[in-house]
Amino acid sequence: MSVQTIWQSALYKFGQAPDNSRFADDFYSSLNAAQRAFCTVRQWGFLRTSGSVASVEDARTVALPSGFGTFYDNDNSAFITAPTANVGTRIVIMTHEEWLGSEYYDDGTETGTPAYGFLLGDNLNLSPIPDAAYTIELTYFRRPTMIYDTSSSLIIPDVYEEALQKLVWRRLQDSGYSSVQELQISDMDIARLLNDFARDDVRRYGGMTVNLRRSTYSRRTT
């Protein structure tokens, strides 16, 4: 789906000139808000992707890939792919609080092959601290990036354009713009489209994993 396609449609729909800077500013604000609303309503399959990160010997933290949103599955979203001796080793993801209170906690003096990880800010923290450089393959949901007048494409697939457009039109109406022809957009209509597209997303990109936290972490004894 092209940003310019939606831009041109908005100009026609609301009877605006391309050089109207106020409308352009409101349009891109509405488009970004609509994209965020669309992408956060559920964990869409089209947002699922993978990428690799590299740890450094004796360093706990690893920078996450650009655009990282959240892990696809806490138990099966991080695997070591190098060195050869550790290929396939799974890294179980947990919260920082779960790690602090579990038997997997380490005080920073232990090194070894990472077996557990938790997120803090934009970093993946590994436990135990890596004793070598490891390559780790991550499966995760992407976070949508900001759209500007220089942007060309959107993260949302073309087949879901109708819902995105209606989210944009609704926000432009809320900003005080009137359409050339009567334009009625209801919350029910948008919800129906999102539900229809959610079912299509499962068929196209696979079912969503219910990413529940574990209930079997062993408590650390003091």
C-alpha atoms as a PDB file:
ATOM      1  CA  MET A   1       0.000   0.000   0.000  1.00  0.00           C
ATOM      2  CA  SER A   2       1.398   3.370  -1.019  1.00  0.00           C
ATOM      3  CA  VAL A   3       1.444   6.405   1.264  1.00  0.00           C
ATOM      4  CA  GLN A   4       0.865   8.562  -1.816  1.00  0.00           C
ATOM      5  CA  THR A   5      -2.248   6.565  -2.722  1.00  0.00           C
ATOM      6  CA  ILE A   6      -3.858   7.319   0.641  1.00  0.00           C
ATOM      7  CA  TRP A   7      -2.670  10.940   0.456  1.00  0.00           C
ATOM      8  CA  GLN A   8      -4.260  11.474  -2.969  1.00  0.00           C
ATOM      9  CA  SER A   9      -7.447   9.778  -1.806  1.00  0.00           C
ATOM     10  CA  ALA A  10      -7.592  12.087   1.229  1.00  0.00           C
ATOM     11  CA  LEU A  11      -7.179  15.178  -0.975  1.00  0.00           C
ATOM     12  CA  TYR A  12     -10.108  14.106  -3.160  1.00  0.00           C
ATOM     13  CA  LYS A  13     -12.229  12.901  -0.256  1.00  0.00           C
ATOM     14  CA  PHE A  14     -11.933  16.143   1.708  1.00  0.00           C
ATOM     15  CA  GLY A  15     -11.551  18.554  -1.211  1.00  0.00           C
ATOM     16  CA  GLN A  16      -8.119  19.827  -0.218  1.00  0.00           C
ATOM     17  CA  ALA A  17      -5.264  21.225  -2.289  1.00  0.00           C
ATOM     18  CA  PRO A  18      -1.849  19.464  -2.224  1.00  0.00           C
ATOM     19  CA  ASP A  19      -0.140  22.666  -1.012  1.00  0.00           C
ATOM     20  CA  ASN A  20      -2.360  22.985   2.086  1.00  0.00           C
ATOM     21  CA  SER A  21       0.336  22.519   4.725  1.00  0.00           C
ATOM     22  CA  ARG A  22      -2.134  22.425   7.615  1.00  0.00           C
ATOM     23  CA  PHE A  23      -4.068  19.577   6.012  1.00  0.00           C
ATOM     24  CA  ALA A  24      -0.820  17.748   5.213  1.00  0.00           C
ATOM     25  CA  ASP A  25       0.261  17.981   8.853  1.00  0.00           C
ATOM     26  CA  ASP A  26      -3.126  16.721  10.061  1.00  0.00           C
ATOM     27  CA  PHE A  27      -3.114  13.955   7.447  1.00  0.00           C
ATOM     28  CA  TYR A  28       0.262  12.499   8.495  1.00  0.00           C
ATOM     29  CA  SER A  29      -0.663  12.785  12.172  1.00  0.00           C
ATOM     30  CA  SER A  30      -3.897  10.922  11.424  1.00  0.00           C
ATOM     31  CA  LEU A  31      -2.118   8.312   9.319  1.00  0.00           C
ATOM     32  CA  ASN A  32       0.441   7.587  12.035  1.00  0.00           C
ATOM     33  CA  ALA A  33      -2.267   7.384  14.703  1.00  0.00           C
ATOM     34  CA  ALA A  34      -4.353   5.095  12.493  1.00  0.00           C
ATOM     35  CA  GLN A  35      -1.387   2.833  11.804  1.00  0.00           C
ATOM     36  CA  ARG A  36      -0.623   2.560  15.539  1.00  0.00           C
ATOM     37  CA  ALA A  37      -4.270   1.801  16.315  1.00  0.00           C
ATOM     38  CA  PHE A  38      -4.404  -0.870  13.604  1.00  0.00           C
ATOM     39  CA  CYS A  39      -1.150  -2.554  14.621  1.00  0.00           C
ATOM     40  CA  THR A  40      -1.874  -2.631  18.349  1.00  0.00           C
ATOM     41  CA  VAL A  41      -5.431  -3.943  18.221  1.00  0.00           C
ATOM     42  CA  ARG A  42      -3.991  -7.482  18.097  1.00  0.00           C
ATOM     43  CA  GLN A  43      -0.753  -9.351  17.399  1.00  0.00           C
ATOM     44  CA  TRP A  44      -0.993  -9.498  13.617  1.00  0.00           C
ATOM     45  CA  GLY A  45       0.753 -12.282  11.750  1.00  0.00           C
ATOM     46  CA  PHE A  46       1.993  -9.840   9.099  1.00  0.00           C
ATOM     47  CA  LEU A  47       4.045  -8.109  11.801  1.00  0.00           C
ATOM     48  CA  ARG A  48       5.883 -11.304  12.722  1.00  0.00           C
ATOM     49  CA  THR A  49       9.495 -11.379  11.586  1.00  0.00           C
ATOM     50  CA  SER A  50      12.915 -12.629  12.637  1.00  0.00           C
ATOM     51  CA  GLY A  51      16.370 -11.194  13.060  1.00  0.00           C
ATOM     52  CA  SER A  52      19.674 -12.064  14.651  1.00  0.00           C
ATOM     53  CA  VAL A  53      21.661 -10.336  17.380  1.00  0.00           C
ATOM     54  CA  ALA A  54      25.206 -10.956  18.569  1.00  0.00           C
ATOM     55  CA  SER A  55      26.333 -11.124  22.170  1.00  0.00           C
ATOM     56  CA  VAL A  56      29.765 -10.100  23.395  1.00  0.00           C
ATOM     57  CA  GLU A  57      31.860 -12.173  25.735  1.00  0.00           C
ATOM     58  CA  ASP A  58      31.426 -11.150  29.396  1.00  0.00           C
ATOM     59  CA  ALA A  59      28.600  -8.691  28.569  1.00  0.00           C
ATOM     60  CA  ARG A  60      25.033  -9.373  29.704  1.00  0.00           C
ATOM     61  CA  THR A  61      23.164  -6.936  27.458  1.00  0.00           C
ATOM     62  CA  VAL A  62      22.522  -7.216  23.727  1.00  0.00           C
ATOM     63  CA  ALA A  63      20.865  -4.457  21.666  1.00  0.00           C
ATOM     64  CA  LEU A  64      17.542  -5.529  20.169  1.00  0.00           C
ATOM     65  CA  PRO A  65      16.882  -5.222  16.403  1.00  0.00           C
ATOM     66  CA  SER A  66      15.516  -1.924  15.156  1.00  0.00           C
ATOM     67  CA  GLY A  67      11.718  -1.963  15.204  1.00  0.00           C
ATOM     68  CA  PHE A  68      11.504  -4.727  17.816  1.00  0.00           C
ATOM     69  CA  GLY A  69       8.067  -4.803  19.442  1.00  0.00           C
ATOM     70  CA  THR A  70       7.620  -7.934  21.536  1.00  0.00           C
ATOM     71  CA  PHE A  71       8.611 -11.582  21.400  1.00  0.00           C
ATOM     72  CA  TYR A  72       6.365 -13.913  19.421  1.00  0.00           C
ATOM     73  CA  ASP A  73       6.551 -16.653  22.047  1.00  0.00           C
ATOM     74  CA  ASN A  74       8.435 -16.457  25.328  1.00  0.00           C
ATOM     75  CA  ASP A  75       9.566 -20.098  25.219  1.00  0.00           C
ATOM     76  CA  ASN A  76      10.335 -20.486  21.514  1.00  0.00           C
ATOM     77  CA  SER A  77      11.496 -17.149  20.136  1.00  0.00           C
ATOM     78  CA  ALA A  78      15.224 -17.107  20.876  1.00  0.00           C
ATOM     79  CA  PHE A  79      17.707 -19.746  19.695  1.00  0.00           C
ATOM     80  CA  ILE A  80      21.480 -19.756  19.469  1.00  0.00           C
ATOM     81  CA  THR A  81      22.723 -20.239  15.895  1.00  0.00           C
ATOM     82  CA  ALA A  82      26.474 -19.834  16.478  1.00  0.00           C
ATOM     83  CA  PRO A  83      28.985 -21.101  17.461  1.00  0.00           C
ATOM     84  CA  THR A  84      28.384 -24.555  15.972  1.00  0.00           C
ATOM     85  CA  ALA A  85      28.676 -26.359  19.305  1.00  0.00           C
ATOM     86  CA  ASN A  86      25.642 -24.448  20.639  1.00  0.00           C
ATOM     87  CA  VAL A  87      23.383 -24.387  17.589  1.00  0.00           C
ATOM     88  CA  GLY A  88      19.748 -24.959  18.570  1.00  0.00           C
ATOM     89  CA  THR A  89      20.155 -24.027  22.234  1.00  0.00           C
ATOM     90  CA  ARG A  90      16.952 -22.324  23.339  1.00  0.00           C
ATOM     91  CA  ILE A  91      16.908 -19.158  25.412  1.00  0.00           C
ATOM     92  CA  VAL A  92      13.755 -18.915  27.522  1.00  0.00           C
ATOM     93  CA  ILE A  93      12.383 -15.383  27.827  1.00  0.00           C
ATOM     94  CA  MET A  94      10.950 -14.123  31.118  1.00  0.00           C
ATOM     95  CA  THR A  95      10.331 -10.794  32.810  1.00  0.00           C
ATOM     96  CA  HIS A  96      13.045  -9.095  34.838  1.00  0.00           C
ATOM     97  CA  GLU A  97      10.981  -9.672  37.979  1.00  0.00           C
ATOM     98  CA  GLU A  98      10.602 -13.371  37.238  1.00  0.00           C
ATOM     99  CA  TRP A  99      14.347 -13.683  36.710  1.00  0.00           C
ATOM    100  CA  LEU A 100      15.180 -11.835  39.944  1.00  0.00           C
ATOM    101  CA  GLY A 101      12.945 -14.092  42.019  1.00  0.00           C
ATOM    102  CA  SER A 102      13.718 -17.423  40.395  1.00  0.00           C
ATOM    103  CA  GLU A 103      16.431 -20.037  40.633  1.00  0.00           C
ATOM    104  CA  TYR A 104      17.799 -18.746  37.303  1.00  0.00           C
ATOM    105  CA  TYR A 105      19.058 -15.517  38.869  1.00  0.00           C
ATOM    106  CA  ASP A 106      22.817 -14.963  38.766  1.00  0.00           C
ATOM    107  CA  ASP A 107      24.781 -12.254  40.519  1.00  0.00           C
ATOM    108  CA  GLY A 108      27.051 -11.506  37.574  1.00  0.00           C
ATOM    109  CA  THR A 109      29.910 -13.765  38.608  1.00  0.00           C
ATOM    110  CA  GLU A 110      28.685 -16.758  36.603  1.00  0.00           C
ATOM    111  CA  THR A 111      29.401 -17.077  32.890  1.00  0.00           C
ATOM    112  CA  GLY A 112      28.352 -19.748  30.424  1.00  0.00           C
ATOM    113  CA  THR A 113      26.032 -20.473  27.519  1.00  0.00           C
ATOM    114  CA  PRO A 114      22.971 -18.193  27.821  1.00  0.00           C
ATOM    115  CA  ALA A 115      19.820 -20.109  28.758  1.00  0.00           C
ATOM    116  CA  TYR A 116      17.503 -17.312  29.901  1.00  0.00           C
ATOM    117  CA  GLY A 117      16.778 -13.759  28.892  1.00  0.00           C
ATOM    118  CA  PHE A 118      14.721 -10.754  29.924  1.00  0.00           C
ATOM    119  CA  LEU A 119      14.007  -7.354  28.401  1.00  0.00           C
ATOM    120  CA  LEU A 120      14.973  -4.018  29.902  1.00  0.00           C
ATOM    121  CA  GLY A 121      14.493  -1.002  27.663  1.00  0.00           C
ATOM    122  CA  ASP A 122      15.884  -1.708  24.203  1.00  0.00           C
ATOM    123  CA  ASN A 123      18.177  -4.506  25.369  1.00  0.00           C
ATOM    124  CA  LEU A 124      17.965  -8.254  25.775  1.00  0.00           C
ATOM    125  CA  ASN A 125      19.721  -9.305  28.992  1.00  0.00           C
ATOM    126  CA  LEU A 126      21.213 -12.812  29.055  1.00  0.00           C
ATOM    127  CA  SER A 127      21.705 -15.219  31.924  1.00  0.00           C
ATOM    128  CA  PRO A 128      24.220 -16.534  32.624  1.00  0.00           C
ATOM    129  CA  ILE A 129      26.522 -13.866  31.221  1.00  0.00           C
ATOM    130  CA  PRO A 130      27.891 -15.140  27.879  1.00  0.00           C
ATOM    131  CA  ASP A 131      31.304 -16.790  28.094  1.00  0.00           C
ATOM    132  CA  ALA A 132      31.843 -16.249  24.363  1.00  0.00           C
ATOM    133  CA  ALA A 133      30.348 -14.433  21.381  1.00  0.00           C
ATOM    134  CA  TYR A 134      26.990 -15.987  20.470  1.00  0.00           C
ATOM    135  CA  THR A 135      24.649 -15.336  17.543  1.00  0.00           C
ATOM    136  CA  ILE A 136      21.002 -15.484  18.612  1.00  0.00           C
ATOM    137  CA  GLU A 137      18.050 -15.717  16.236  1.00  0.00           C
ATOM    138  CA  LEU A 138      14.913 -13.935  17.483  1.00  0.00           C
ATOM    139  CA  THR A 139      11.289 -14.260  16.328  1.00  0.00           C
ATOM    140  CA  TYR A 140       9.260 -11.174  17.201  1.00  0.00           C
ATOM    141  CA  PHE A 141       6.536  -8.734  16.241  1.00  0.00           C
ATOM    142  CA  ARG A 142       7.686  -5.556  14.534  1.00  0.00           C
ATOM    143  CA  ARG A 143       6.795  -2.090  15.790  1.00  0.00           C
ATOM    144  CA  PRO A 144       5.438   0.255  13.087  1.00  0.00           C
ATOM    145  CA  THR A 145       7.754   3.106  12.154  1.00  0.00           C
ATOM    146  CA  MET A 146       6.773   6.754  11.785  1.00  0.00           C
ATOM    147  CA  ILE A 147       5.390   7.823   8.410  1.00  0.00           C
ATOM    148  CA  TYR A 148       6.556  11.086   6.823  1.00  0.00           C
ATOM    149  CA  ASP A 149       5.869  12.874   3.546  1.00  0.00           C
ATOM    150  CA  THR A 150       9.018  11.213   2.205  1.00  0.00           C
ATOM    151  CA  SER A 151       7.770   7.710   3.074  1.00  0.00           C
ATOM    152  CA  SER A 152       6.681   5.475   0.228  1.00  0.00           C
ATOM    153  CA  SER A 153       5.173   2.284   1.672  1.00  0.00           C
ATOM    154  CA  LEU A 154       3.318   1.157   4.781  1.00  0.00           C
ATOM    155  CA  ILE A 155       3.820  -1.832   7.027  1.00  0.00           C
ATOM    156  CA  ILE A 156       0.140  -2.830   6.696  1.00  0.00           C
ATOM    157  CA  PRO A 157      -0.596  -5.060   3.662  1.00  0.00           C
ATOM    158  CA  ASP A 158      -2.652  -3.679   0.762  1.00  0.00           C
ATOM    159  CA  VAL A 159      -5.505  -6.126   1.403  1.00  0.00           C
ATOM    160  CA  TYR A 160      -6.270  -4.327   4.702  1.00  0.00           C
ATOM    161  CA  GLU A 161      -6.257  -0.835   3.182  1.00  0.00           C
ATOM    162  CA  GLU A 162      -9.988  -0.246   3.689  1.00  0.00           C
ATOM    163  CA  ALA A 163      -9.776  -0.395   7.477  1.00  0.00           C
ATOM    164  CA  LEU A 164      -6.689   1.831   7.595  1.00  0.00           C
ATOM    165  CA  GLN A 165      -8.311   4.423   5.338  1.00  0.00           C
ATOM    166  CA  LYS A 166     -11.435   4.557   7.484  1.00  0.00           C
ATOM    167  CA  LEU A 167      -9.326   5.025  10.589  1.00  0.00           C
ATOM    168  CA  VAL A 168      -7.574   7.938   8.853  1.00  0.00           C
ATOM    169  CA  TRP A 169     -10.834   9.503   7.576  1.00  0.00           C
ATOM    170  CA  ARG A 170     -12.350   9.245  11.052  1.00  0.00           C
ATOM    171  CA  ARG A 171      -9.423  11.125  12.585  1.00  0.00           C
ATOM    172  CA  LEU A 172      -9.528  13.815   9.902  1.00  0.00           C
ATOM    173  CA  GLN A 173     -13.234  14.300  10.604  1.00  0.00           C
ATOM    174  CA  ASP A 174     -12.425  14.637  14.303  1.00  0.00           C
ATOM    175  CA  SER A 175      -9.890  17.336  13.329  1.00  0.00           C
ATOM    176  CA  GLY A 176     -12.699  19.375  11.775  1.00  0.00           C
ATOM    177  CA  TYR A 177     -12.486  18.442   8.081  1.00  0.00           C
ATOM    178  CA  SER A 178     -15.665  17.803   6.104  1.00  0.00           C
ATOM    179  CA  SER A 179     -15.773  15.402   3.185  1.00  0.00           C
ATOM    180  CA  VAL A 180     -16.907  16.518  -0.272  1.00  0.00           C
ATOM    181  CA  GLN A 181     -19.523  13.754  -0.267  1.00  0.00           C
ATOM    182  CA  GLU A 182     -21.262  12.427   2.819  1.00  0.00           C
ATOM    183  CA  LEU A 183     -18.895  10.099   4.647  1.00  0.00           C
ATOM    184  CA  GLN A 184     -20.310   8.004   7.481  1.00  0.00           C
ATOM    185  CA  ILE A 185     -17.848   5.898   9.459  1.00  0.00           C
ATOM    186  CA  SER A 186     -18.983   4.104  12.598  1.00  0.00           C
ATOM    187  CA  ASP A 187     -16.976   2.325  15.275  1.00  0.00           C
ATOM    188  CA  MET A 188     -19.037  -0.773  14.513  1.00  0.00           C
ATOM    189  CA  ASP A 189     -18.036  -0.649  10.842  1.00  0.00           C
ATOM    190  CA  ILE A 190     -14.337  -0.340  11.724  1.00  0.00           C
ATOM    191  CA  ALA A 191     -14.593  -3.163  14.302  1.00  0.00           C
ATOM    192  CA  ARG A 192     -16.264  -5.404  11.717  1.00  0.00           C
ATOM    193  CA  LEU A 193     -13.490  -4.790   9.203  1.00  0.00           C
ATOM    194  CA  LEU A 194     -10.775  -5.452  11.786  1.00  0.00           C
ATOM    195  CA  ASN A 195     -12.438  -8.718  12.804  1.00  0.00           C
ATOM    196  CA  ASP A 196     -12.732  -9.807   9.162  1.00  0.00           C
ATOM    197  CA  PHE A 197      -9.104  -8.922   8.493  1.00  0.00           C
ATOM    198  CA  ALA A 198      -7.992 -10.714  11.673  1.00  0.00           C
ATOM    199  CA  ARG A 199      -9.461 -13.967  10.352  1.00  0.00           C
ATOM    200  CA  ASP A 200      -7.790 -13.367   6.996  1.00  0.00           C
ATOM    201  CA  ASP A 201      -4.484 -12.632   8.755  1.00  0.00           C
ATOM    202  CA  VAL A 202      -4.615 -16.065  10.426  1.00  0.00           C
ATOM    203  CA  ARG A 203      -5.166 -17.757   7.073  1.00  0.00           C
ATOM    204  CA  ARG A 204      -2.399 -15.812   5.321  1.00  0.00           C
ATOM    205  CA  TYR A 205       0.267 -15.583   8.000  1.00  0.00           C
ATOM    206  CA  GLY A 206      -0.527 -18.304  10.521  1.00  0.00           C
ATOM    207  CA  GLY A 207      -2.279 -18.457  13.847  1.00  0.00           C
ATOM    208  CA  MET A 208      -1.425 -16.174  16.721  1.00  0.00           C
ATOM    209  CA  THR A 209       0.425 -17.642  19.687  1.00  0.00           C
ATOM    210  CA  VAL A 210      -1.162 -16.828  23.035  1.00  0.00           C
ATOM    211  CA  ASN A 211       1.949 -15.538  24.761  1.00  0.00           C
ATOM    212  CA  LEU A 212       1.226 -16.425  28.386  1.00  0.00           C
ATOM    213  CA  ARG A 213       3.728 -16.142  31.172  1.00  0.00           C
ATOM    214  CA  ARG A 214       4.966 -19.315  32.757  1.00  0.00           C
ATOM    215  CA  SER A 215       3.498 -20.510  36.054  1.00  0.00           C
ATOM    216  CA  THR A 216       6.278 -23.025  36.730  1.00  0.00           C
ATOM    217  CA  TYR A 217       9.296 -20.867  37.537  1.00  0.00           C
ATOM    218  CA  SER A 218      11.018 -22.200  40.647  1.00  0.00           C
ATOM    219  CA  ARG A 219      11.418 -19.657  43.410  1.00  0.00           C
ATOM    220  CA  ARG A 220      14.926 -18.765  44.503  1.00  0.00           C
ATOM    221  CA  THR A 221      15.666 -19.800  48.059  1.00  0.00           C
ATOM    222  CA  THR A 222      17.413 -17.378  50.354  1.00  0.00           C
END
